[in-house]
Amino acid sequence: MIFLINTIRVFFNDHPVYPSVSVYFQGCDAIPKCVGCHNPETWDFDEKFAINYDEILSISVEKLSFLLNGFSKVALAFVGGEPLSERNRECVKLLSRDVKKIFGSKVLTILYTWREPIDLLPLKDYIQSIDEFVLGRFEISLKEDGFPASKNQMYLRKEQLEEFFMTFEGGKAYVLEVFK
């Protein structure tokens, strides 16, 4: 399978605690785009960034192994562009699953998306192996130093998102409160 990847690199700011191997997907389906986006060069679905999945996995495993030589736990960050765009989401599913099979709990997975929790309900199959989420559009007027990058964004653990899904699917009203 072929996916659109801008770059895969070691980075120390894509997770609040752990160094990460960050997979920058090419292509973003947000309309309109986020004003002040950190990575506007990743917006276009440009086939010149097409890479075979086996190569994506190989590069990611190599870089994660390198980091694990110096750290007991690291992160695999899915950023973009938009990891959950229709063009990219299968790669998120495969790569997060395969990395978990190889490294187990030594690698924590985190996904950044402009989507809100309700938008992830039909995408549950693609995010089963994701541990943490940064949800919501980047808003330049709400920018803050630190994590996440703007005050409106939500940082959720998998368990929090699953609780939301169970409550929503049960037909109950649910208000998601995020405390920092």
N, C-alpha and C. Protein backbone atom coordinates (compact mmCIF):
# COMPACT_ATOMS: atom_id res chain seq x y z
N MET A 1 0.83 -1.18 0.00
CA MET A 1 0.00 0.00 0.00
C MET A 1 0.87 1.25 0.00
N ILE A 2 0.38 2.26 -0.64
CA ILE A 2 1.10 3.52 -0.78
C ILE A 2 0.37 4.61 0.01
N PHE A 3 1.15 5.39 0.78
CA PHE A 3 0.60 6.49 1.57
C PHE A 3 1.41 7.75 1.32
N LEU A 4 0.87 8.89 1.72
CA LEU A 4 1.53 10.18 1.53
C LEU A 4 2.18 10.62 2.83
N ILE A 5 3.51 10.59 2.85
CA ILE A 5 4.27 10.97 4.04
C ILE A 5 5.24 12.08 3.65
N ASN A 6 5.16 13.22 4.34
CA ASN A 6 6.07 14.33 4.09
C ASN A 6 7.46 14.01 4.63
N THR A 7 7.51 13.56 5.89
CA THR A 7 8.79 13.20 6.50
C THR A 7 8.53 12.35 7.75
N ILE A 8 9.55 11.62 8.16
CA ILE A 8 9.54 10.89 9.43
C ILE A 8 10.82 11.29 10.13
N ARG A 9 10.68 11.89 11.31
CA ARG A 9 11.88 12.39 11.98
C ARG A 9 11.78 12.27 13.49
N VAL A 10 12.93 12.29 14.12
CA VAL A 10 13.00 12.31 15.58
C VAL A 10 12.76 13.74 16.02
N PHE A 11 11.89 13.89 17.00
CA PHE A 11 11.52 15.23 17.45
C PHE A 11 11.27 15.19 18.95
N PHE A 12 11.53 16.28 19.63
CA PHE A 12 11.39 16.30 21.08
C PHE A 12 10.23 17.17 21.57
N ASN A 13 9.37 17.63 20.66
CA ASN A 13 8.26 18.50 21.06
C ASN A 13 6.88 17.97 20.70
N ASP A 14 6.78 16.82 20.07
CA ASP A 14 5.47 16.32 19.65
C ASP A 14 4.78 15.48 20.72
N HIS A 15 5.44 15.24 21.83
CA HIS A 15 4.82 14.60 22.99
C HIS A 15 5.23 15.39 24.23
N PRO A 16 4.32 15.55 25.20
CA PRO A 16 4.65 16.38 26.37
C PRO A 16 5.70 15.79 27.29
N VAL A 17 5.98 14.50 27.19
CA VAL A 17 6.92 13.84 28.11
C VAL A 17 8.05 13.13 27.38
N TYR A 18 7.73 12.41 26.34
CA TYR A 18 8.69 11.51 25.70
C TYR A 18 9.22 12.05 24.37
N PRO A 19 10.47 11.71 24.05
CA PRO A 19 10.95 12.00 22.69
C PRO A 19 10.14 11.16 21.71
N SER A 20 10.02 11.65 20.50
CA SER A 20 9.16 10.92 19.56
C SER A 20 9.80 10.74 18.20
N VAL A 21 9.29 9.73 17.53
CA VAL A 21 9.44 9.62 16.09
C VAL A 21 8.13 10.16 15.55
N SER A 22 8.22 11.22 14.78
CA SER A 22 7.03 11.92 14.30
C SER A 22 6.83 11.65 12.82
N VAL A 23 5.66 11.12 12.49
CA VAL A 23 5.29 10.83 11.11
C VAL A 23 4.42 11.99 10.63
N TYR A 24 4.96 12.77 9.70
CA TYR A 24 4.25 13.93 9.16
C TYR A 24 3.53 13.52 7.88
N PHE A 25 2.22 13.36 7.98
CA PHE A 25 1.43 12.99 6.82
C PHE A 25 1.29 14.17 5.87
N GLN A 26 1.23 13.86 4.59
CA GLN A 26 1.04 14.87 3.56
C GLN A 26 -0.43 14.87 3.18
N GLY A 27 -1.04 16.03 3.27
CA GLY A 27 -2.44 16.18 2.91
C GLY A 27 -3.31 16.45 4.12
N CYS A 28 -4.12 17.50 4.02
CA CYS A 28 -5.03 17.87 5.10
C CYS A 28 -6.41 18.13 4.52
N ASP A 29 -7.44 17.52 5.11
CA ASP A 29 -8.80 17.67 4.62
C ASP A 29 -9.62 18.71 5.40
N ALA A 30 -8.98 19.45 6.30
CA ALA A 30 -9.70 20.50 7.04
C ALA A 30 -10.08 21.63 6.09
N ILE A 31 -11.33 22.05 6.17
CA ILE A 31 -11.80 23.19 5.38
C ILE A 31 -12.56 24.11 6.32
N PRO A 32 -12.16 25.34 6.49
CA PRO A 32 -10.92 25.93 5.97
C PRO A 32 -9.72 25.40 6.75
N LYS A 33 -8.54 25.68 6.25
CA LYS A 33 -7.32 25.30 6.95
C LYS A 33 -7.16 26.16 8.20
N CYS A 34 -6.40 25.66 9.15
CA CYS A 34 -6.16 26.38 10.40
C CYS A 34 -5.22 27.57 10.14
N VAL A 35 -5.67 28.77 10.48
CA VAL A 35 -4.83 29.96 10.36
C VAL A 35 -3.68 29.82 11.34
N GLY A 36 -2.45 29.99 10.85
CA GLY A 36 -1.28 29.84 11.71
C GLY A 36 -0.82 28.41 11.86
N CYS A 37 -1.32 27.52 11.02
CA CYS A 37 -0.93 26.10 11.07
C CYS A 37 0.59 25.98 11.15
N HIS A 38 1.05 25.05 11.98
CA HIS A 38 2.49 24.82 12.14
C HIS A 38 3.13 24.22 10.88
N ASN A 39 2.34 23.52 10.06
CA ASN A 39 2.89 22.78 8.93
C ASN A 39 2.09 22.99 7.64
N PRO A 40 1.97 24.23 7.15
CA PRO A 40 1.17 24.45 5.94
C PRO A 40 1.74 23.75 4.71
N GLU A 41 3.02 23.42 4.74
CA GLU A 41 3.62 22.70 3.61
C GLU A 41 3.07 21.28 3.47
N THR A 42 2.33 20.81 4.47
CA THR A 42 1.76 19.46 4.42
C THR A 42 0.29 19.45 4.00
N TRP A 43 -0.27 20.57 3.60
CA TRP A 43 -1.69 20.65 3.28
C TRP A 43 -2.09 19.89 2.01
N ASP A 44 -1.29 19.99 0.95
CA ASP A 44 -1.68 19.44 -0.35
C ASP A 44 -1.51 17.92 -0.38
N PHE A 45 -2.48 17.25 -0.98
CA PHE A 45 -2.38 15.81 -1.21
C PHE A 45 -1.54 15.61 -2.46
N ASP A 46 -0.23 15.64 -2.28
CA ASP A 46 0.72 15.64 -3.38
C ASP A 46 1.35 14.25 -3.51
N GLU A 47 1.13 13.61 -4.63
CA GLU A 47 1.61 12.25 -4.86
C GLU A 47 3.13 12.14 -4.91
N LYS A 48 3.85 13.26 -5.00
CA LYS A 48 5.31 13.17 -4.97
C LYS A 48 5.80 12.69 -3.60
N PHE A 49 4.91 12.67 -2.61
CA PHE A 49 5.26 12.19 -1.27
C PHE A 49 4.80 10.74 -1.04
N ALA A 50 4.41 10.06 -2.10
CA ALA A 50 3.93 8.68 -1.98
C ALA A 50 5.07 7.75 -1.57
N ILE A 51 4.81 6.95 -0.53
CA ILE A 51 5.81 6.01 -0.01
C ILE A 51 5.10 4.69 0.29
N ASN A 52 5.76 3.60 -0.01
CA ASN A 52 5.26 2.26 0.28
C ASN A 52 5.20 2.04 1.78
N TYR A 53 4.16 1.37 2.25
CA TYR A 53 3.99 1.14 3.68
C TYR A 53 5.19 0.42 4.30
N ASP A 54 5.74 -0.56 3.63
CA ASP A 54 6.88 -1.29 4.20
C ASP A 54 8.05 -0.36 4.49
N GLU A 55 8.26 0.63 3.64
CA GLU A 55 9.33 1.61 3.86
C GLU A 55 8.99 2.52 5.05
N ILE A 56 7.73 2.92 5.16
CA ILE A 56 7.30 3.74 6.30
C ILE A 56 7.54 2.99 7.60
N LEU A 57 7.14 1.73 7.65
CA LEU A 57 7.34 0.91 8.84
C LEU A 57 8.82 0.74 9.14
N SER A 58 9.61 0.45 8.14
CA SER A 58 11.05 0.24 8.33
C SER A 58 11.74 1.49 8.89
N ILE A 59 11.45 2.64 8.31
CA ILE A 59 12.05 3.89 8.79
C ILE A 59 11.61 4.18 10.22
N SER A 60 10.33 3.99 10.49
CA SER A 60 9.80 4.26 11.84
C SER A 60 10.44 3.33 12.87
N VAL A 61 10.53 2.05 12.57
CA VAL A 61 11.13 1.08 13.49
C VAL A 61 12.60 1.40 13.73
N GLU A 62 13.31 1.76 12.67
CA GLU A 62 14.73 2.11 12.81
C GLU A 62 14.91 3.32 13.75
N LYS A 63 14.10 4.34 13.56
CA LYS A 63 14.22 5.54 14.39
C LYS A 63 13.75 5.29 15.82
N LEU A 64 12.70 4.52 16.00
CA LEU A 64 12.24 4.18 17.35
C LEU A 64 13.29 3.35 18.08
N SER A 65 13.91 2.41 17.39
CA SER A 65 14.97 1.59 17.99
C SER A 65 16.14 2.46 18.42
N PHE A 66 16.49 3.43 17.59
CA PHE A 66 17.55 4.36 17.93
C PHE A 66 17.22 5.11 19.22
N LEU A 67 16.02 5.65 19.32
CA LEU A 67 15.61 6.38 20.52
C LEU A 67 15.59 5.47 21.75
N LEU A 68 15.14 4.24 21.57
CA LEU A 68 15.05 3.31 22.70
C LEU A 68 16.42 2.87 23.21
N ASN A 69 17.46 3.15 22.46
CA ASN A 69 18.82 2.90 22.97
C ASN A 69 19.17 3.87 24.09
N GLY A 70 18.51 5.03 24.13
CA GLY A 70 18.82 6.03 25.15
C GLY A 70 17.68 6.34 26.10
N PHE A 71 16.47 5.88 25.78
CA PHE A 71 15.30 6.16 26.60
C PHE A 71 14.52 4.87 26.82
N SER A 72 13.92 4.74 28.01
CA SER A 72 13.16 3.52 28.30
C SER A 72 11.77 3.53 27.66
N LYS A 73 11.27 4.71 27.35
CA LYS A 73 9.96 4.83 26.71
C LYS A 73 10.00 6.02 25.75
N VAL A 74 9.38 5.85 24.59
CA VAL A 74 9.34 6.90 23.58
C VAL A 74 7.94 6.96 22.98
N ALA A 75 7.72 7.94 22.12
CA ALA A 75 6.41 8.10 21.48
C ALA A 75 6.54 7.99 19.97
N LEU A 76 5.46 7.54 19.36
CA LEU A 76 5.29 7.61 17.92
C LEU A 76 4.15 8.60 17.70
N ALA A 77 4.46 9.74 17.08
CA ALA A 77 3.48 10.81 16.89
C ALA A 77 2.99 10.84 15.45
N PHE A 78 1.68 10.90 15.31
CA PHE A 78 1.04 11.03 14.01
C PHE A 78 0.58 12.47 13.87
N VAL A 79 1.23 13.21 12.97
CA VAL A 79 0.96 14.63 12.80
C VAL A 79 0.80 14.93 11.32
N GLY A 80 0.63 16.17 10.98
CA GLY A 80 0.43 16.43 9.56
C GLY A 80 0.55 17.88 9.21
N GLY A 81 -0.14 18.06 8.11
CA GLY A 81 -1.19 17.37 7.39
C GLY A 81 -2.26 16.87 8.35
N GLU A 82 -2.99 15.89 7.89
CA GLU A 82 -4.05 15.29 8.69
C GLU A 82 -3.97 13.78 8.66
N PRO A 83 -3.52 13.18 9.77
CA PRO A 83 -3.40 11.72 9.83
C PRO A 83 -4.70 10.97 9.55
N LEU A 84 -5.84 11.55 9.90
CA LEU A 84 -7.10 10.83 9.73
C LEU A 84 -7.87 11.22 8.48
N SER A 85 -7.21 11.91 7.54
CA SER A 85 -7.88 12.15 6.26
C SER A 85 -8.10 10.79 5.60
N GLU A 86 -9.04 10.73 4.69
CA GLU A 86 -9.35 9.46 4.03
C GLU A 86 -8.10 8.85 3.38
N ARG A 87 -7.23 9.68 2.87
CA ARG A 87 -6.01 9.21 2.19
C ARG A 87 -4.98 8.63 3.16
N ASN A 88 -5.02 9.05 4.43
CA ASN A 88 -3.96 8.70 5.38
C ASN A 88 -4.37 7.72 6.48
N ARG A 89 -5.65 7.60 6.77
CA ARG A 89 -6.08 6.89 7.99
C ARG A 89 -5.69 5.41 8.03
N GLU A 90 -5.65 4.75 6.91
CA GLU A 90 -5.25 3.33 6.91
C GLU A 90 -3.80 3.17 7.37
N CYS A 91 -2.96 4.12 7.02
CA CYS A 91 -1.57 4.09 7.47
C CYS A 91 -1.49 4.25 8.98
N VAL A 92 -2.31 5.12 9.55
CA VAL A 92 -2.36 5.28 11.01
C VAL A 92 -2.71 3.95 11.66
N LYS A 93 -3.71 3.29 11.12
CA LYS A 93 -4.16 2.00 11.67
C LYS A 93 -3.04 0.96 11.61
N LEU A 94 -2.44 0.81 10.45
CA LEU A 94 -1.41 -0.21 10.26
C LEU A 94 -0.15 0.08 11.07
N LEU A 95 0.33 1.32 10.99
CA LEU A 95 1.59 1.66 11.64
C LEU A 95 1.46 1.61 13.16
N SER A 96 0.38 2.12 13.71
CA SER A 96 0.21 2.08 15.17
C SER A 96 0.09 0.63 15.63
N ARG A 97 -0.64 -0.18 14.91
CA ARG A 97 -0.79 -1.60 15.26
C ARG A 97 0.55 -2.33 15.19
N ASP A 98 1.27 -2.16 14.09
CA ASP A 98 2.52 -2.89 13.90
C ASP A 98 3.60 -2.45 14.87
N VAL A 99 3.67 -1.16 15.16
CA VAL A 99 4.66 -0.67 16.13
C VAL A 99 4.35 -1.22 17.52
N LYS A 100 3.07 -1.30 17.87
CA LYS A 100 2.69 -1.88 19.18
C LYS A 100 3.08 -3.36 19.24
N LYS A 101 2.92 -4.09 18.13
CA LYS A 101 3.31 -5.50 18.09
C LYS A 101 4.81 -5.66 18.30
N ILE A 102 5.58 -4.76 17.72
CA ILE A 102 7.05 -4.86 17.79
C ILE A 102 7.58 -4.39 19.13
N PHE A 103 7.11 -3.26 19.63
CA PHE A 103 7.70 -2.62 20.81
C PHE A 103 6.85 -2.70 22.08
N GLY A 104 5.60 -3.06 21.96
CA GLY A 104 4.73 -3.13 23.13
C GLY A 104 4.59 -1.78 23.81
N SER A 105 4.62 -1.80 25.14
CA SER A 105 4.37 -0.58 25.91
C SER A 105 5.57 0.38 25.95
N LYS A 106 6.68 0.02 25.32
CA LYS A 106 7.83 0.93 25.25
C LYS A 106 7.56 2.12 24.35
N VAL A 107 6.58 1.96 23.45
CA VAL A 107 6.23 3.05 22.53
C VAL A 107 4.77 3.44 22.76
N LEU A 108 4.60 4.70 23.10
CA LEU A 108 3.28 5.28 23.28
C LEU A 108 2.91 5.98 21.97
N THR A 109 1.68 5.85 21.53
CA THR A 109 1.26 6.49 20.28
C THR A 109 0.38 7.69 20.59
N ILE A 110 0.63 8.78 19.87
CA ILE A 110 -0.17 10.00 20.03
C ILE A 110 -0.55 10.51 18.64
N LEU A 111 -1.80 10.94 18.51
CA LEU A 111 -2.33 11.40 17.23
C LEU A 111 -2.87 12.81 17.37
N TYR A 112 -2.46 13.66 16.44
CA TYR A 112 -2.96 15.04 16.36
C TYR A 112 -3.96 15.10 15.21
N THR A 113 -5.13 15.69 15.46
CA THR A 113 -6.13 15.86 14.41
C THR A 113 -6.95 17.11 14.68
N TRP A 114 -7.45 17.72 13.61
CA TRP A 114 -8.34 18.86 13.76
C TRP A 114 -9.72 18.41 14.21
N ARG A 115 -9.98 17.13 14.12
CA ARG A 115 -11.31 16.59 14.43
C ARG A 115 -11.61 16.67 15.93
N GLU A 116 -12.90 16.67 16.24
CA GLU A 116 -13.40 16.66 17.62
C GLU A 116 -13.73 15.21 18.00
N PRO A 117 -13.93 14.93 19.29
CA PRO A 117 -14.23 13.54 19.69
C PRO A 117 -15.39 12.91 18.93
N ILE A 118 -16.46 13.65 18.71
CA ILE A 118 -17.62 13.10 18.01
C ILE A 118 -17.26 12.65 16.59
N ASP A 119 -16.30 13.34 15.96
CA ASP A 119 -15.88 13.00 14.60
C ASP A 119 -15.13 11.68 14.53
N LEU A 120 -14.61 11.23 15.66
CA LEU A 120 -13.81 10.00 15.69
C LEU A 120 -14.67 8.75 15.82
N LEU A 121 -15.92 8.91 16.17
CA LEU A 121 -16.81 7.76 16.35
C LEU A 121 -16.83 6.84 15.13
N PRO A 122 -17.02 7.36 13.91
CA PRO A 122 -17.00 6.46 12.75
C PRO A 122 -15.59 6.01 12.34
N LEU A 123 -14.57 6.54 13.00
CA LEU A 123 -13.18 6.20 12.65
C LEU A 123 -12.52 5.30 13.69
N LYS A 124 -13.32 4.72 14.60
CA LYS A 124 -12.77 3.93 15.70
C LYS A 124 -11.84 2.82 15.22
N ASP A 125 -12.15 2.21 14.11
CA ASP A 125 -11.34 1.11 13.59
C ASP A 125 -9.91 1.54 13.29
N TYR A 126 -9.72 2.80 12.95
CA TYR A 126 -8.40 3.29 12.56
C TYR A 126 -7.56 3.73 13.75
N ILE A 127 -8.17 3.91 14.90
CA ILE A 127 -7.44 4.47 16.05
C ILE A 127 -7.36 3.52 17.24
N GLN A 128 -7.58 2.25 17.01
CA GLN A 128 -7.58 1.26 18.09
C GLN A 128 -6.24 1.18 18.82
N SER A 129 -5.15 1.44 18.14
CA SER A 129 -3.82 1.32 18.75
C SER A 129 -3.21 2.68 19.11
N ILE A 130 -4.05 3.71 19.18
CA ILE A 130 -3.58 5.04 19.58
C ILE A 130 -3.83 5.21 21.07
N ASP A 131 -2.80 5.68 21.79
CA ASP A 131 -2.88 5.83 23.25
C ASP A 131 -3.36 7.21 23.69
N GLU A 132 -2.98 8.24 22.95
CA GLU A 132 -3.29 9.62 23.34
C GLU A 132 -3.66 10.42 22.10
N PHE A 133 -4.44 11.47 22.35
CA PHE A 133 -4.95 12.30 21.26
C PHE A 133 -4.83 13.78 21.60
N VAL A 134 -4.52 14.57 20.58
CA VAL A 134 -4.67 16.02 20.66
C VAL A 134 -5.74 16.34 19.62
N LEU A 135 -6.90 16.79 20.10
CA LEU A 135 -8.07 16.97 19.25
C LEU A 135 -8.44 18.44 19.15
N GLY A 136 -8.88 18.83 17.96
CA GLY A 136 -9.35 20.19 17.74
C GLY A 136 -8.39 21.00 16.88
N ARG A 137 -8.95 21.98 16.22
CA ARG A 137 -8.16 22.84 15.35
C ARG A 137 -7.19 23.69 16.15
N PHE A 138 -6.05 23.97 15.54
CA PHE A 138 -5.15 24.96 16.11
C PHE A 138 -5.76 26.33 15.86
N GLU A 139 -5.91 27.11 16.91
CA GLU A 139 -6.47 28.46 16.81
C GLU A 139 -5.39 29.46 17.20
N ILE A 140 -4.91 30.23 16.24
CA ILE A 140 -3.82 31.17 16.49
C ILE A 140 -4.19 32.17 17.59
N SER A 141 -5.46 32.57 17.66
CA SER A 141 -5.88 33.53 18.68
C SER A 141 -5.87 32.92 20.08
N LEU A 142 -5.83 31.61 20.16
CA LEU A 142 -5.81 30.91 21.45
C LEU A 142 -4.47 30.22 21.70
N LYS A 143 -3.46 30.61 20.91
CA LYS A 143 -2.14 30.00 21.02
C LYS A 143 -1.57 30.18 22.42
N GLU A 144 -0.91 29.14 22.89
CA GLU A 144 -0.23 29.22 24.18
C GLU A 144 1.07 28.45 24.10
N ASP A 145 2.01 28.84 24.93
CA ASP A 145 3.26 28.10 25.00
C ASP A 145 2.96 26.80 25.74
N GLY A 146 3.57 25.75 25.29
CA GLY A 146 3.35 24.48 25.96
C GLY A 146 2.49 23.54 25.15
N PHE A 147 1.77 22.69 25.85
CA PHE A 147 1.07 21.58 25.24
C PHE A 147 -0.34 21.51 25.76
N PRO A 148 -1.33 21.35 24.90
CA PRO A 148 -1.27 21.51 23.45
C PRO A 148 -1.05 22.96 23.04
N ALA A 149 -0.97 23.18 21.74
CA ALA A 149 -0.53 24.48 21.24
C ALA A 149 -1.56 25.60 21.34
N SER A 150 -2.85 25.26 21.41
CA SER A 150 -3.86 26.30 21.62
C SER A 150 -4.88 25.83 22.66
N LYS A 151 -5.42 26.80 23.37
CA LYS A 151 -6.28 26.52 24.54
C LYS A 151 -7.52 25.71 24.21
N ASN A 152 -8.01 25.79 22.99
CA ASN A 152 -9.22 25.06 22.61
C ASN A 152 -8.97 23.58 22.35
N GLN A 153 -7.72 23.20 22.15
CA GLN A 153 -7.43 21.80 21.83
C GLN A 153 -7.54 20.93 23.08
N MET A 154 -7.96 19.69 22.86
CA MET A 154 -8.12 18.74 23.96
C MET A 154 -7.04 17.68 23.90
N TYR A 155 -6.46 17.39 25.04
CA TYR A 155 -5.51 16.29 25.17
C TYR A 155 -6.24 15.18 25.92
N LEU A 156 -6.45 14.05 25.26
CA LEU A 156 -7.19 12.95 25.86
C LEU A 156 -6.40 11.65 25.79
N ARG A 157 -6.52 10.87 26.83
CA ARG A 157 -6.00 9.51 26.81
C ARG A 157 -7.05 8.61 26.15
N LYS A 158 -6.61 7.47 25.67
CA LYS A 158 -7.50 6.52 25.01
C LYS A 158 -8.71 6.19 25.88
N GLU A 159 -8.49 6.00 27.17
CA GLU A 159 -9.57 5.63 28.08
C GLU A 159 -10.64 6.72 28.15
N GLN A 160 -10.22 7.97 28.11
CA GLN A 160 -11.18 9.08 28.13
C GLN A 160 -12.02 9.11 26.86
N LEU A 161 -11.37 8.86 25.73
CA LEU A 161 -12.10 8.84 24.46
C LEU A 161 -13.06 7.66 24.42
N GLU A 162 -12.62 6.49 24.91
CA GLU A 162 -13.50 5.32 24.93
C GLU A 162 -14.72 5.56 25.82
N GLU A 163 -14.52 6.26 26.94
CA GLU A 163 -15.64 6.59 27.82
C GLU A 163 -16.65 7.47 27.07
N PHE A 164 -16.14 8.43 26.33
CA PHE A 164 -17.01 9.28 25.52
C PHE A 164 -17.79 8.43 24.52
N PHE A 165 -17.10 7.52 23.81
CA PHE A 165 -17.76 6.68 22.82
C PHE A 165 -18.87 5.85 23.45
N MET A 166 -18.59 5.22 24.59
CA MET A 166 -19.59 4.37 25.25
C MET A 166 -20.81 5.20 25.66
N THR A 167 -20.58 6.36 26.19
CA THR A 167 -21.67 7.22 26.63
C THR A 167 -22.49 7.70 25.44
N PHE A 168 -21.81 8.10 24.39
CA PHE A 168 -22.51 8.61 23.21
C PHE A 168 -23.31 7.50 22.54
N GLU A 169 -22.71 6.32 22.40
CA GLU A 169 -23.39 5.21 21.73
C GLU A 169 -24.58 4.72 22.54
N GLY A 170 -24.56 4.98 23.86
CA GLY A 170 -25.68 4.59 24.71
C GLY A 170 -26.86 5.54 24.59
N GLY A 171 -26.73 6.59 23.79
CA GLY A 171 -27.81 7.52 23.56
C GLY A 171 -27.96 8.58 24.63
N LYS A 172 -26.97 8.71 25.48
CA LYS A 172 -27.04 9.70 26.56
C LYS A 172 -26.38 11.00 26.11
N ALA A 173 -26.85 12.07 26.68
CA ALA A 173 -26.18 13.35 26.45
C ALA A 173 -24.86 13.33 27.21
N TYR A 174 -23.85 13.95 26.66
CA TYR A 174 -22.53 13.89 27.28
C TYR A 174 -21.83 15.21 27.07
N VAL A 175 -21.31 15.77 28.12
CA VAL A 175 -20.51 16.98 28.02
C VAL A 175 -19.09 16.60 28.37
N LEU A 176 -18.18 16.84 27.46
CA LEU A 176 -16.78 16.49 27.68
C LEU A 176 -16.08 17.68 28.31
N GLU A 177 -15.59 17.48 29.51
CA GLU A 177 -14.85 18.53 30.19
C GLU A 177 -13.39 18.14 30.22
N VAL A 178 -12.56 19.08 29.88
CA VAL A 178 -11.12 18.83 29.88
C VAL A 178 -10.49 19.75 30.91
N PHE A 179 -9.76 19.17 31.83
CA PHE A 179 -9.09 19.93 32.88
C PHE A 179 -7.61 19.91 32.60
N LYS A 180 -6.98 21.05 32.77
CA LYS A 180 -5.53 21.13 32.56
C LYS A 180 -4.85 21.21 33.89
